[in-house]
Amino acid sequence: MTTSQLTDQAAARAAQLKADLRLTPEQDKNWAGVQGALVDVWRKQAEERQSWRNARANATGSTDLIEQMRKTGDDQIERGNNLKKLADAAQPLYASLDDQQKRRFTEALFQRHRDRRSD
């Protein structure tokens, strides 16, 4: 998939989450930042999965274990930084959600994580 397609897919998922949350007009004021962060994180995750699949499909011979550990460490640092950005963007909205909305928000994020792990 192209970057544009991955972005569109992430944006559609964010739009579905927004619809599922049934935000009040006051809560909706904090949505734009969350949406941007979600789309960015989800797009990057999809690109990473796609890159990993391509590398695995094109792998020939043995892998340099040390280089792989370094790459994995760098990837984890980047994922951590992306999650921090998402947390910063989501905090004002999350604080305003009721318990049912918080549950939906959490389920959407964890479902995405489970989907990613099953790829």
PDB file of N, CA and C in Angstrom:
ATOM      1  N   MET A   1       0.833  -1.185   0.000  1.00  0.00           N
ATOM      2  CA  MET A   1       0.000   0.000   0.000  1.00  0.00           C
ATOM      3  C   MET A   1       0.878   1.250   0.000  1.00  0.00           C
ATOM      4  N   THR A   2       0.365   2.293  -0.590  1.00  0.00           N
ATOM      5  CA  THR A   2       1.099   3.556  -0.610  1.00  0.00           C
ATOM      6  C   THR A   2       0.910   4.291   0.718  1.00  0.00           C
ATOM      7  N   THR A   3       1.760   5.276   0.963  1.00  0.00           N
ATOM      8  CA  THR A   3       1.626   6.096   2.169  1.00  0.00           C
ATOM      9  C   THR A   3       0.261   6.768   2.203  1.00  0.00           C
ATOM     10  N   SER A   4      -0.199   7.216   1.067  1.00  0.00           N
ATOM     11  CA  SER A   4      -1.514   7.856   0.991  1.00  0.00           C
ATOM     12  C   SER A   4      -2.623   6.877   1.373  1.00  0.00           C
ATOM     13  N   GLN A   5      -2.528   5.657   0.893  1.00  0.00           N
ATOM     14  CA  GLN A   5      -3.534   4.649   1.235  1.00  0.00           C
ATOM     15  C   GLN A   5      -3.490   4.304   2.719  1.00  0.00           C
ATOM     16  N   LEU A   6      -2.286   4.196   3.265  1.00  0.00           N
ATOM     17  CA  LEU A   6      -2.147   3.910   4.689  1.00  0.00           C
ATOM     18  C   LEU A   6      -2.721   5.049   5.525  1.00  0.00           C
ATOM     19  N   THR A   7      -2.478   6.287   5.090  1.00  0.00           N
ATOM     20  CA  THR A   7      -3.013   7.448   5.789  1.00  0.00           C
ATOM     21  C   THR A   7      -4.534   7.460   5.717  1.00  0.00           C
ATOM     22  N   ASP A   8      -5.079   7.161   4.539  1.00  0.00           N
ATOM     23  CA  ASP A   8      -6.535   7.114   4.385  1.00  0.00           C
ATOM     24  C   ASP A   8      -7.144   6.040   5.286  1.00  0.00           C
ATOM     25  N   GLN A   9      -6.494   4.901   5.370  1.00  0.00           N
ATOM     26  CA  GLN A   9      -6.982   3.807   6.212  1.00  0.00           C
ATOM     27  C   GLN A   9      -6.971   4.229   7.688  1.00  0.00           C
ATOM     28  N   ALA A  10      -5.898   4.871   8.116  1.00  0.00           N
ATOM     29  CA  ALA A  10      -5.801   5.337   9.499  1.00  0.00           C
ATOM     30  C   ALA A  10      -6.837   6.429   9.776  1.00  0.00           C
ATOM     31  N   ALA A  11      -7.052   7.318   8.827  1.00  0.00           N
ATOM     32  CA  ALA A  11      -8.043   8.386   8.995  1.00  0.00           C
ATOM     33  C   ALA A  11      -9.452   7.805   9.099  1.00  0.00           C
ATOM     34  N   ALA A  12      -9.736   6.778   8.325  1.00  0.00           N
ATOM     35  CA  ALA A  12     -11.051   6.132   8.389  1.00  0.00           C
ATOM     36  C   ALA A  12     -11.251   5.484   9.757  1.00  0.00           C
ATOM     37  N   ARG A  13     -10.225   4.864  10.266  1.00  0.00           N
ATOM     38  CA  ARG A  13     -10.324   4.239  11.590  1.00  0.00           C
ATOM     39  C   ARG A  13     -10.527   5.296  12.673  1.00  0.00           C
ATOM     40  N   ALA A  14      -9.834   6.429  12.555  1.00  0.00           N
ATOM     41  CA  ALA A  14     -10.010   7.521  13.518  1.00  0.00           C
ATOM     42  C   ALA A  14     -11.424   8.091  13.429  1.00  0.00           C
ATOM     43  N   ALA A  15     -11.942   8.232  12.221  1.00  0.00           N
ATOM     44  CA  ALA A  15     -13.311   8.728  12.048  1.00  0.00           C
ATOM     45  C   ALA A  15     -14.310   7.769  12.679  1.00  0.00           C
ATOM     46  N   GLN A  16     -14.072   6.479  12.549  1.00  0.00           N
ATOM     47  CA  GLN A  16     -14.953   5.486  13.172  1.00  0.00           C
ATOM     48  C   GLN A  16     -14.896   5.601  14.689  1.00  0.00           C
ATOM     49  N   LEU A  17     -13.700   5.797  15.226  1.00  0.00           N
ATOM     50  CA  LEU A  17     -13.561   5.963  16.670  1.00  0.00           C
ATOM     51  C   LEU A  17     -14.335   7.192  17.134  1.00  0.00           C
ATOM     52  N   LYS A  18     -14.202   8.286  16.411  1.00  0.00           N
ATOM     53  CA  LYS A  18     -14.919   9.510  16.785  1.00  0.00           C
ATOM     54  C   LYS A  18     -16.422   9.255  16.799  1.00  0.00           C
ATOM     55  N   ALA A  19     -16.920   8.579  15.789  1.00  0.00           N
ATOM     56  CA  ALA A  19     -18.350   8.269  15.736  1.00  0.00           C
ATOM     57  C   ALA A  19     -18.752   7.373  16.913  1.00  0.00           C
ATOM     58  N   ASP A  20     -17.918   6.403  17.243  1.00  0.00           N
ATOM     59  CA  ASP A  20     -18.204   5.493  18.349  1.00  0.00           C
ATOM     60  C   ASP A  20     -18.212   6.217  19.699  1.00  0.00           C
ATOM     61  N   LEU A  21     -17.384   7.250  19.826  1.00  0.00           N
ATOM     62  CA  LEU A  21     -17.297   7.977  21.092  1.00  0.00           C
ATOM     63  C   LEU A  21     -18.512   8.872  21.349  1.00  0.00           C
ATOM     64  N   ARG A  22     -19.181   9.284  20.275  1.00  0.00           N
ATOM     65  CA  ARG A  22     -20.347  10.178  20.406  1.00  0.00           C
ATOM     66  C   ARG A  22     -19.993  11.388  21.272  1.00  0.00           C
ATOM     67  N   LEU A  23     -19.026  12.145  20.790  1.00  0.00           N
ATOM     68  CA  LEU A  23     -18.516  13.289  21.540  1.00  0.00           C
ATOM     69  C   LEU A  23     -19.562  14.391  21.667  1.00  0.00           C
ATOM     70  N   THR A  24     -19.506  15.058  22.807  1.00  0.00           N
ATOM     71  CA  THR A  24     -20.323  16.250  22.997  1.00  0.00           C
ATOM     72  C   THR A  24     -19.640  17.393  22.241  1.00  0.00           C
ATOM     73  N   PRO A  25     -20.348  18.485  21.982  1.00  0.00           N
ATOM     74  CA  PRO A  25     -19.701  19.628  21.314  1.00  0.00           C
ATOM     75  C   PRO A  25     -18.465  20.129  22.073  1.00  0.00           C
ATOM     76  N   GLU A  26     -18.512  20.108  23.396  1.00  0.00           N
ATOM     77  CA  GLU A  26     -17.363  20.554  24.193  1.00  0.00           C
ATOM     78  C   GLU A  26     -16.178  19.597  24.022  1.00  0.00           C
ATOM     79  N   GLN A  27     -16.451  18.299  24.031  1.00  0.00           N
ATOM     80  CA  GLN A  27     -15.397  17.300  23.849  1.00  0.00           C
ATOM     81  C   GLN A  27     -14.814  17.371  22.440  1.00  0.00           C
ATOM     82  N   ASP A  28     -15.670  17.656  21.475  1.00  0.00           N
ATOM     83  CA  ASP A  28     -15.247  17.700  20.076  1.00  0.00           C
ATOM     84  C   ASP A  28     -14.156  18.740  19.833  1.00  0.00           C
ATOM     85  N   LYS A  29     -14.101  19.752  20.679  1.00  0.00           N
ATOM     86  CA  LYS A  29     -13.070  20.793  20.546  1.00  0.00           C
ATOM     87  C   LYS A  29     -11.664  20.218  20.705  1.00  0.00           C
ATOM     88  N   ASN A  30     -11.539  19.116  21.422  1.00  0.00           N
ATOM     89  CA  ASN A  30     -10.231  18.488  21.641  1.00  0.00           C
ATOM     90  C   ASN A  30      -9.952  17.331  20.686  1.00  0.00           C
ATOM     91  N   TRP A  31     -10.841  17.077  19.752  1.00  0.00           N
ATOM     92  CA  TRP A  31     -10.696  15.915  18.881  1.00  0.00           C
ATOM     93  C   TRP A  31      -9.605  16.082  17.824  1.00  0.00           C
ATOM     94  N   ALA A  32      -9.474  17.261  17.247  1.00  0.00           N
ATOM     95  CA  ALA A  32      -8.556  17.435  16.106  1.00  0.00           C
ATOM     96  C   ALA A  32      -7.131  16.994  16.435  1.00  0.00           C
ATOM     97  N   GLY A  33      -6.626  17.361  17.588  1.00  0.00           N
ATOM     98  CA  GLY A  33      -5.273  16.959  17.967  1.00  0.00           C
ATOM     99  C   GLY A  33      -5.141  15.461  18.142  1.00  0.00           C
ATOM    100  N   VAL A  34      -6.168  14.858  18.725  1.00  0.00           N
ATOM    101  CA  VAL A  34      -6.170  13.406  18.919  1.00  0.00           C
ATOM    102  C   VAL A  34      -6.209  12.706  17.570  1.00  0.00           C
ATOM    103  N   GLN A  35      -7.074  13.186  16.702  1.00  0.00           N
ATOM    104  CA  GLN A  35      -7.199  12.572  15.379  1.00  0.00           C
ATOM    105  C   GLN A  35      -5.871  12.625  14.632  1.00  0.00           C
ATOM    106  N   GLY A  36      -5.225  13.759  14.632  1.00  0.00           N
ATOM    107  CA  GLY A  36      -3.943  13.881  13.942  1.00  0.00           C
ATOM    108  C   GLY A  36      -2.901  12.933  14.499  1.00  0.00           C
ATOM    109  N   ALA A  37      -2.846  12.834  15.826  1.00  0.00           N
ATOM    110  CA  ALA A  37      -1.874  11.944  16.462  1.00  0.00           C
ATOM    111  C   ALA A  37      -2.203  10.485  16.180  1.00  0.00           C
ATOM    112  N   LEU A  38      -3.495  10.133  16.245  1.00  0.00           N
ATOM    113  CA  LEU A  38      -3.892   8.752  15.949  1.00  0.00           C
ATOM    114  C   LEU A  38      -3.541   8.369  14.521  1.00  0.00           C
ATOM    115  N   VAL A  39      -3.881   9.227  13.590  1.00  0.00           N
ATOM    116  CA  VAL A  39      -3.599   8.931  12.178  1.00  0.00           C
ATOM    117  C   VAL A  39      -2.098   8.761  11.979  1.00  0.00           C
ATOM    118  N   ASP A  40      -1.315   9.633  12.587  1.00  0.00           N
ATOM    119  CA  ASP A  40       0.137   9.556  12.450  1.00  0.00           C
ATOM    120  C   ASP A  40       0.676   8.248  13.032  1.00  0.00           C
ATOM    121  N   VAL A  41       0.246   7.907  14.245  1.00  0.00           N
ATOM    122  CA  VAL A  41       0.721   6.676  14.898  1.00  0.00           C
ATOM    123  C   VAL A  41       0.281   5.453  14.114  1.00  0.00           C
ATOM    124  N   TRP A  42      -0.986   5.407  13.738  1.00  0.00           N
ATOM    125  CA  TRP A  42      -1.491   4.230  13.027  1.00  0.00           C
ATOM    126  C   TRP A  42      -0.861   4.094  11.646  1.00  0.00           C
ATOM    127  N   ARG A  43      -0.610   5.206  10.970  1.00  0.00           N
ATOM    128  CA  ARG A  43       0.060   5.147   9.659  1.00  0.00           C
ATOM    129  C   ARG A  43       1.481   4.615   9.822  1.00  0.00           C
ATOM    130  N   LYS A  44       2.195   5.145  10.810  1.00  0.00           N
ATOM    131  CA  LYS A  44       3.568   4.694  11.040  1.00  0.00           C
ATOM    132  C   LYS A  44       3.615   3.217  11.411  1.00  0.00           C
ATOM    133  N   GLN A  45       2.653   2.754  12.213  1.00  0.00           N
ATOM    134  CA  GLN A  45       2.607   1.338  12.562  1.00  0.00           C
ATOM    135  C   GLN A  45       2.378   0.481  11.320  1.00  0.00           C
ATOM    136  N   ALA A  46       1.483   0.925  10.457  1.00  0.00           N
ATOM    137  CA  ALA A  46       1.203   0.169   9.232  1.00  0.00           C
ATOM    138  C   ALA A  46       2.430   0.159   8.319  1.00  0.00           C
ATOM    139  N   GLU A  47       3.122   1.291   8.218  1.00  0.00           N
ATOM    140  CA  GLU A  47       4.340   1.345   7.401  1.00  0.00           C
ATOM    141  C   GLU A  47       5.405   0.412   7.965  1.00  0.00           C
ATOM    142  N   GLU A  48       5.510   0.383   9.281  1.00  0.00           N
ATOM    143  CA  GLU A  48       6.497  -0.489   9.918  1.00  0.00           C
ATOM    144  C   GLU A  48       6.186  -1.959   9.640  1.00  0.00           C
ATOM    145  N   ARG A  49       4.906  -2.334   9.763  1.00  0.00           N
ATOM    146  CA  ARG A  49       4.512  -3.721   9.464  1.00  0.00           C
ATOM    147  C   ARG A  49       4.813  -4.063   8.013  1.00  0.00           C
ATOM    148  N   GLN A  50       4.487  -3.138   7.128  1.00  0.00           N
ATOM    149  CA  GLN A  50       4.716  -3.363   5.708  1.00  0.00           C
ATOM    150  C   GLN A  50       6.213  -3.509   5.426  1.00  0.00           C
ATOM    151  N   SER A  51       7.015  -2.672   6.025  1.00  0.00           N
ATOM    152  CA  SER A  51       8.464  -2.742   5.851  1.00  0.00           C
ATOM    153  C   SER A  51       9.013  -4.060   6.399  1.00  0.00           C
ATOM    154  N   TRP A  52       8.512  -4.478   7.564  1.00  0.00           N
ATOM    155  CA  TRP A  52       8.960  -5.728   8.168  1.00  0.00           C
ATOM    156  C   TRP A  52       8.614  -6.906   7.271  1.00  0.00           C
ATOM    157  N   ARG A  53       7.397  -6.913   6.731  1.00  0.00           N
ATOM    158  CA  ARG A  53       6.992  -7.999   5.831  1.00  0.00           C
ATOM    159  C   ARG A  53       7.872  -8.035   4.588  1.00  0.00           C
ATOM    160  N   ASN A  54       8.133  -6.872   4.010  1.00  0.00           N
ATOM    161  CA  ASN A  54       8.962  -6.803   2.809  1.00  0.00           C
ATOM    162  C   ASN A  54      10.375  -7.290   3.099  1.00  0.00           C
ATOM    163  N   ALA A  55      10.937  -6.869   4.233  1.00  0.00           N
ATOM    164  CA  ALA A  55      12.285  -7.300   4.595  1.00  0.00           C
ATOM    165  C   ALA A  55      12.331  -8.806   4.801  1.00  0.00           C
ATOM    166  N   ARG A  56      11.301  -9.336   5.445  1.00  0.00           N
ATOM    167  CA  ARG A  56      11.247 -10.778   5.685  1.00  0.00           C
ATOM    168  C   ARG A  56      11.110 -11.548   4.369  1.00  0.00           C
ATOM    169  N   ALA A  57      10.307 -11.034   3.466  1.00  0.00           N
ATOM    170  CA  ALA A  57      10.101 -11.704   2.177  1.00  0.00           C
ATOM    171  C   ALA A  57      11.360 -11.655   1.314  1.00  0.00           C
ATOM    172  N   ASN A  58      12.140 -10.596   1.466  1.00  0.00           N
ATOM    173  CA  ASN A  58      13.332 -10.424   0.639  1.00  0.00           C
ATOM    174  C   ASN A  58      14.612 -10.903   1.320  1.00  0.00           C
ATOM    175  N   ALA A  59      14.495 -11.451   2.516  1.00  0.00           N
ATOM    176  CA  ALA A  59      15.676 -11.880   3.260  1.00  0.00           C
ATOM    177  C   ALA A  59      16.361 -13.048   2.558  1.00  0.00           C
ATOM    178  N   THR A  60      17.659 -12.928   2.470  1.00  0.00           N
ATOM    179  CA  THR A  60      18.471 -14.005   1.916  1.00  0.00           C
ATOM    180  C   THR A  60      19.642 -14.235   2.861  1.00  0.00           C
ATOM    181  N   GLY A  61      19.930 -15.464   3.099  1.00  0.00           N
ATOM    182  CA  GLY A  61      21.066 -15.782   3.958  1.00  0.00           C
ATOM    183  C   GLY A  61      20.780 -15.486   5.415  1.00  0.00           C
ATOM    184  N   SER A  62      21.861 -15.380   6.179  1.00  0.00           N
ATOM    185  CA  SER A  62      21.720 -15.164   7.614  1.00  0.00           C
ATOM    186  C   SER A  62      21.589 -13.675   7.929  1.00  0.00           C
ATOM    187  N   THR A  63      21.042 -13.400   9.091  1.00  0.00           N
ATOM    188  CA  THR A  63      20.825 -12.037   9.542  1.00  0.00           C
ATOM    189  C   THR A  63      21.911 -11.669  10.537  1.00  0.00           C
ATOM    190  N   ASP A  64      22.359 -10.430  10.488  1.00  0.00           N
ATOM    191  CA  ASP A  64      23.324  -9.924  11.452  1.00  0.00           C
ATOM    192  C   ASP A  64      22.572  -9.640  12.750  1.00  0.00           C
ATOM    193  N   LEU A  65      22.731 -10.494  13.744  1.00  0.00           N
ATOM    194  CA  LEU A  65      21.998 -10.402  14.994  1.00  0.00           C
ATOM    195  C   LEU A  65      22.200  -9.055  15.681  1.00  0.00           C
ATOM    196  N   ILE A  66      23.425  -8.586  15.731  1.00  0.00           N
ATOM    197  CA  ILE A  66      23.714  -7.326  16.420  1.00  0.00           C
ATOM    198  C   ILE A  66      23.038  -6.159  15.712  1.00  0.00           C
ATOM    199  N   GLU A  67      23.111  -6.141  14.413  1.00  0.00           N
ATOM    200  CA  GLU A  67      22.457  -5.064  13.661  1.00  0.00           C
ATOM    201  C   GLU A  67      20.938  -5.138  13.831  1.00  0.00           C
ATOM    202  N   GLN A  68      20.402  -6.337  13.867  1.00  0.00           N
ATOM    203  CA  GLN A  68      18.957  -6.501  14.078  1.00  0.00           C
ATOM    204  C   GLN A  68      18.540  -5.991  15.456  1.00  0.00           C
ATOM    205  N   MET A  69      19.355  -6.269  16.480  1.00  0.00           N
ATOM    206  CA  MET A  69      19.043  -5.763  17.825  1.00  0.00           C
ATOM    207  C   MET A  69      19.053  -4.235  17.838  1.00  0.00           C
ATOM    208  N   ARG A  70      20.021  -3.640  17.162  1.00  0.00           N
ATOM    209  CA  ARG A  70      20.079  -2.169  17.101  1.00  0.00           C
ATOM    210  C   ARG A  70      18.852  -1.602  16.404  1.00  0.00           C
ATOM    211  N   LYS A  71      18.473  -2.221  15.305  1.00  0.00           N
ATOM    212  CA  LYS A  71      17.302  -1.746  14.567  1.00  0.00           C
ATOM    213  C   LYS A  71      16.038  -1.892  15.405  1.00  0.00           C
ATOM    214  N   THR A  72      15.903  -3.025  16.078  1.00  0.00           N
ATOM    215  CA  THR A  72      14.738  -3.233  16.933  1.00  0.00           C
ATOM    216  C   THR A  72      14.705  -2.198  18.052  1.00  0.00           C
ATOM    217  N   GLY A  73      15.854  -1.913  18.643  1.00  0.00           N
ATOM    218  CA  GLY A  73      15.924  -0.887  19.690  1.00  0.00           C
ATOM    219  C   GLY A  73      15.524   0.481  19.171  1.00  0.00           C
ATOM    220  N   ASP A  74      16.025   0.841  18.000  1.00  0.00           N
ATOM    221  CA  ASP A  74      15.647   2.124  17.395  1.00  0.00           C
ATOM    222  C   ASP A  74      14.152   2.181  17.104  1.00  0.00           C
ATOM    223  N   ASP A  75      13.601   1.089  16.598  1.00  0.00           N
ATOM    224  CA  ASP A  75      12.165   1.027  16.308  1.00  0.00           C
ATOM    225  C   ASP A  75      11.346   1.183  17.579  1.00  0.00           C
ATOM    226  N   GLN A  76      11.785   0.550  18.663  1.00  0.00           N
ATOM    227  CA  GLN A  76      11.052   0.658  19.921  1.00  0.00           C
ATOM    228  C   GLN A  76      11.112   2.075  20.482  1.00  0.00           C
ATOM    229  N   ILE A  77      12.237   2.733  20.351  1.00  0.00           N
ATOM    230  CA  ILE A  77      12.360   4.125  20.797  1.00  0.00           C
ATOM    231  C   ILE A  77      11.409   5.007  19.997  1.00  0.00           C
ATOM    232  N   GLU A  78      11.369   4.810  18.693  1.00  0.00           N
ATOM    233  CA  GLU A  78      10.466   5.600  17.855  1.00  0.00           C
ATOM    234  C   GLU A  78       9.007   5.340  18.218  1.00  0.00           C
ATOM    235  N   ARG A  79       8.640   4.075  18.423  1.00  0.00           N
ATOM    236  CA  ARG A  79       7.264   3.755  18.831  1.00  0.00           C
ATOM    237  C   ARG A  79       6.932   4.400  20.167  1.00  0.00           C
ATOM    238  N   GLY A  80       7.870   4.361  21.095  1.00  0.00           N
ATOM    239  CA  GLY A  80       7.663   4.985  22.401  1.00  0.00           C
ATOM    240  C   GLY A  80       7.453   6.484  22.288  1.00  0.00           C
ATOM    241  N   ASN A  81       8.251   7.128  21.477  1.00  0.00           N
ATOM    242  CA  ASN A  81       8.094   8.571  21.276  1.00  0.00           C
ATOM    243  C   ASN A  81       6.754   8.892  20.623  1.00  0.00           C
ATOM    244  N   ASN A  82       6.340   8.067  19.671  1.00  0.00           N
ATOM    245  CA  ASN A  82       5.037   8.267  19.026  1.00  0.00           C
ATOM    246  C   ASN A  82       3.897   8.100  20.021  1.00  0.00           C
ATOM    247  N   LEU A  83       4.003   7.121  20.908  1.00  0.00           N
ATOM    248  CA  LEU A  83       2.969   6.915  21.917  1.00  0.00           C
ATOM    249  C   LEU A  83       2.911   8.077  22.903  1.00  0.00           C
ATOM    250  N   LYS A  84       4.062   8.644  23.236  1.00  0.00           N
ATOM    251  CA  LYS A  84       4.080   9.815  24.108  1.00  0.00           C
ATOM    252  C   LYS A  84       3.370  10.994  23.440  1.00  0.00           C
ATOM    253  N   LYS A  85       3.607  11.184  22.156  1.00  0.00           N
ATOM    254  CA  LYS A  85       2.930  12.257  21.422  1.00  0.00           C
ATOM    255  C   LYS A  85       1.424  12.032  21.409  1.00  0.00           C
ATOM    256  N   LEU A  86       1.016  10.782  21.209  1.00  0.00           N
ATOM    257  CA  LEU A  86      -0.407  10.453  21.227  1.00  0.00           C
ATOM    258  C   LEU A  86      -0.989  10.711  22.614  1.00  0.00           C
ATOM    259  N   ALA A  87      -0.299  10.291  23.656  1.00  0.00           N
ATOM    260  CA  ALA A  87      -0.779  10.514  25.021  1.00  0.00           C
ATOM    261  C   ALA A  87      -0.933  12.001  25.305  1.00  0.00           C
ATOM    262  N   ASP A  88       0.046  12.802  24.884  1.00  0.00           N
ATOM    263  CA  ASP A  88      -0.032  14.249  25.093  1.00  0.00           C
ATOM    264  C   ASP A  88      -1.230  14.849  24.365  1.00  0.00           C
ATOM    265  N   ALA A  89      -1.471  14.390  23.148  1.00  0.00           N
ATOM    266  CA  ALA A  89      -2.591  14.912  22.357  1.00  0.00           C
ATOM    267  C   ALA A  89      -3.933  14.439  22.918  1.00  0.00           C
ATOM    268  N   ALA A  90      -3.975  13.209  23.431  1.00  0.00           N
ATOM    269  CA  ALA A  90      -5.232  12.622  23.888  1.00  0.00           C
ATOM    270  C   ALA A  90      -5.620  13.041  25.298  1.00  0.00           C
ATOM    271  N   GLN A  91      -4.683  13.485  26.091  1.00  0.00           N
ATOM    272  CA  GLN A  91      -4.954  13.757  27.505  1.00  0.00           C
ATOM    273  C   GLN A  91      -6.123  14.717  27.739  1.00  0.00           C
ATOM    274  N   PRO A  92      -6.190  15.863  27.064  1.00  0.00           N
ATOM    275  CA  PRO A  92      -7.333  16.759  27.326  1.00  0.00           C
ATOM    276  C   PRO A  92      -8.679  16.131  26.957  1.00  0.00           C
ATOM    277  N   LEU A  93      -8.736  15.429  25.845  1.00  0.00           N
ATOM    278  CA  LEU A  93      -9.982  14.777  25.459  1.00  0.00           C
ATOM    279  C   LEU A  93     -10.321  13.665  26.440  1.00  0.00           C
ATOM    280  N   TYR A  94      -9.357  12.814  26.740  1.00  0.00           N
ATOM    281  CA  TYR A  94      -9.597  11.666  27.613  1.00  0.00           C
ATOM    282  C   TYR A  94     -10.115  12.115  28.981  1.00  0.00           C
ATOM    283  N   ALA A  95      -9.570  13.196  29.494  1.00  0.00           N
ATOM    284  CA  ALA A  95     -10.001  13.703  30.798  1.00  0.00           C
ATOM    285  C   ALA A  95     -11.465  14.121  30.784  1.00  0.00           C
ATOM    286  N   SER A  96     -11.990  14.482  29.620  1.00  0.00           N
ATOM    287  CA  SER A  96     -13.375  14.943  29.527  1.00  0.00           C
ATOM    288  C   SER A  96     -14.369  13.832  29.202  1.00  0.00           C
ATOM    289  N   LEU A  97     -13.878  12.629  28.910  1.00  0.00           N
ATOM    290  CA  LEU A  97     -14.764  11.531  28.532  1.00  0.00           C
ATOM    291  C   LEU A  97     -15.444  10.933  29.763  1.00  0.00           C
ATOM    292  N   ASP A  98     -16.669  10.434  29.565  1.00  0.00           N
ATOM    293  CA  ASP A  98     -17.324   9.701  30.644  1.00  0.00           C
ATOM    294  C   ASP A  98     -16.782   8.265  30.628  1.00  0.00           C
ATOM    295  N   ASP A  99     -17.214   7.470  31.595  1.00  0.00           N
ATOM    296  CA  ASP A  99     -16.666   6.116  31.729  1.00  0.00           C
ATOM    297  C   ASP A  99     -16.905   5.255  30.495  1.00  0.00           C
ATOM    298  N   GLN A 100     -18.085   5.350  29.902  1.00  0.00           N
ATOM    299  CA  GLN A 100     -18.376   4.555  28.713  1.00  0.00           C
ATOM    300  C   GLN A 100     -17.508   4.992  27.537  1.00  0.00           C
ATOM    301  N   GLN A 101     -17.312   6.285  27.367  1.00  0.00           N
ATOM    302  CA  GLN A 101     -16.458   6.785  26.288  1.00  0.00           C
ATOM    303  C   GLN A 101     -15.011   6.361  26.512  1.00  0.00           C
ATOM    304  N   LYS A 102     -14.558   6.408  27.758  1.00  0.00           N
ATOM    305  CA  LYS A 102     -13.191   5.972  28.061  1.00  0.00           C
ATOM    306  C   LYS A 102     -13.011   4.495  27.703  1.00  0.00           C
ATOM    307  N   ARG A 103     -14.023   3.691  28.011  1.00  0.00           N
ATOM    308  CA  ARG A 103     -13.951   2.268  27.674  1.00  0.00           C
ATOM    309  C   ARG A 103     -13.850   2.085  26.163  1.00  0.00           C
ATOM    310  N   ARG A 104     -14.676   2.802  25.412  1.00  0.00           N
ATOM    311  CA  ARG A 104     -14.637   2.711  23.951  1.00  0.00           C
ATOM    312  C   ARG A 104     -13.280   3.158  23.403  1.00  0.00           C
ATOM    313  N   PHE A 105     -12.771   4.254  23.939  1.00  0.00           N
ATOM    314  CA  PHE A 105     -11.473   4.774  23.507  1.00  0.00           C
ATOM    315  C   PHE A 105     -10.383   3.736  23.770  1.00  0.00           C
ATOM    316  N   THR A 106     -10.393   3.175  24.972  1.00  0.00           N
ATOM    317  CA  THR A 106      -9.398   2.159  25.341  1.00  0.00           C
ATOM    318  C   THR A 106      -9.510   0.931  24.452  1.00  0.00           C
ATOM    319  N   GLU A 107     -10.728   0.468  24.232  1.00  0.00           N
ATOM    320  CA  GLU A 107     -10.929  -0.702  23.376  1.00  0.00           C
ATOM    321  C   GLU A 107     -10.418  -0.450  21.969  1.00  0.00           C
ATOM    322  N   ALA A 108     -10.661   0.740  21.443  1.00  0.00           N
ATOM    323  CA  ALA A 108     -10.193   1.058  20.086  1.00  0.00           C
ATOM    324  C   ALA A 108      -8.669   1.023  20.013  1.00  0.00           C
ATOM    325  N   LEU A 109      -8.009   1.559  21.013  1.00  0.00           N
ATOM    326  CA  LEU A 109      -6.543   1.561  21.001  1.00  0.00           C
ATOM    327  C   LEU A 109      -5.989   0.163  21.197  1.00  0.00           C
ATOM    328  N   PHE A 110      -6.565  -0.595  22.120  1.00  0.00           N
ATOM    329  CA  PHE A 110      -6.059  -1.944  22.361  1.00  0.00           C
ATOM    330  C   PHE A 110      -6.423  -2.891  21.240  1.00  0.00           C
ATOM    331  N   GLN A 111      -7.568  -2.695  20.605  1.00  0.00           N
ATOM    332  CA  GLN A 111      -7.927  -3.529  19.452  1.00  0.00           C
ATOM    333  C   GLN A 111      -6.907  -3.325  18.348  1.00  0.00           C
ATOM    334  N   ARG A 112      -6.527  -2.094  18.134  1.00  0.00           N
ATOM    335  CA  ARG A 112      -5.517  -1.797  17.112  1.00  0.00           C
ATOM    336  C   ARG A 112      -4.208  -2.499  17.451  1.00  0.00           C
ATOM    337  N   HIS A 113      -3.856  -2.493  18.737  1.00  0.00           N
ATOM    338  CA  HIS A 113      -2.625  -3.147  19.171  1.00  0.00           C
ATOM    339  C   HIS A 113      -2.718  -4.662  18.936  1.00  0.00           C
ATOM    340  N   ARG A 114      -3.872  -5.261  19.256  1.00  0.00           N
ATOM    341  CA  ARG A 114      -4.047  -6.702  19.024  1.00  0.00           C
ATOM    342  C   ARG A 114      -3.992  -7.008  17.537  1.00  0.00           C
ATOM    343  N   ASP A 115      -4.634  -6.142  16.715  1.00  0.00           N
ATOM    344  CA  ASP A 115      -4.602  -6.350  15.263  1.00  0.00           C
ATOM    345  C   ASP A 115      -3.175  -6.321  14.756  1.00  0.00           C
ATOM    346  N   ARG A 116      -2.379  -5.404  15.273  1.00  0.00           N
ATOM    347  CA  ARG A 116      -1.000  -5.254  14.831  1.00  0.00           C
ATOM    348  C   ARG A 116      -0.178  -6.475  15.214  1.00  0.00           C
ATOM    349  N   ARG A 117      -0.403  -7.003  16.409  1.00  0.00           N
ATOM    350  CA  ARG A 117       0.355  -8.167  16.882  1.00  0.00           C
ATOM    351  C   ARG A 117       0.007  -9.420  16.097  1.00  0.00           C
ATOM    352  N   SER A 118      -1.190  -9.491  15.546  1.00  0.00           N
ATOM    353  CA  SER A 118      -1.590 -10.703  14.835  1.00  0.00           C
ATOM    354  C   SER A 118      -1.119 -10.708  13.388  1.00  0.00           C
ATOM    355  N   ASP A 119      -0.576  -9.588  12.903  1.00  0.00           N
ATOM    356  CA  ASP A 119      -0.090  -9.526  11.506  1.00  0.00           C
ATOM    357  C   ASP A 119       1.145 -10.351  11.304  1.00  0.00           C
TER     358      ASP A 119
END
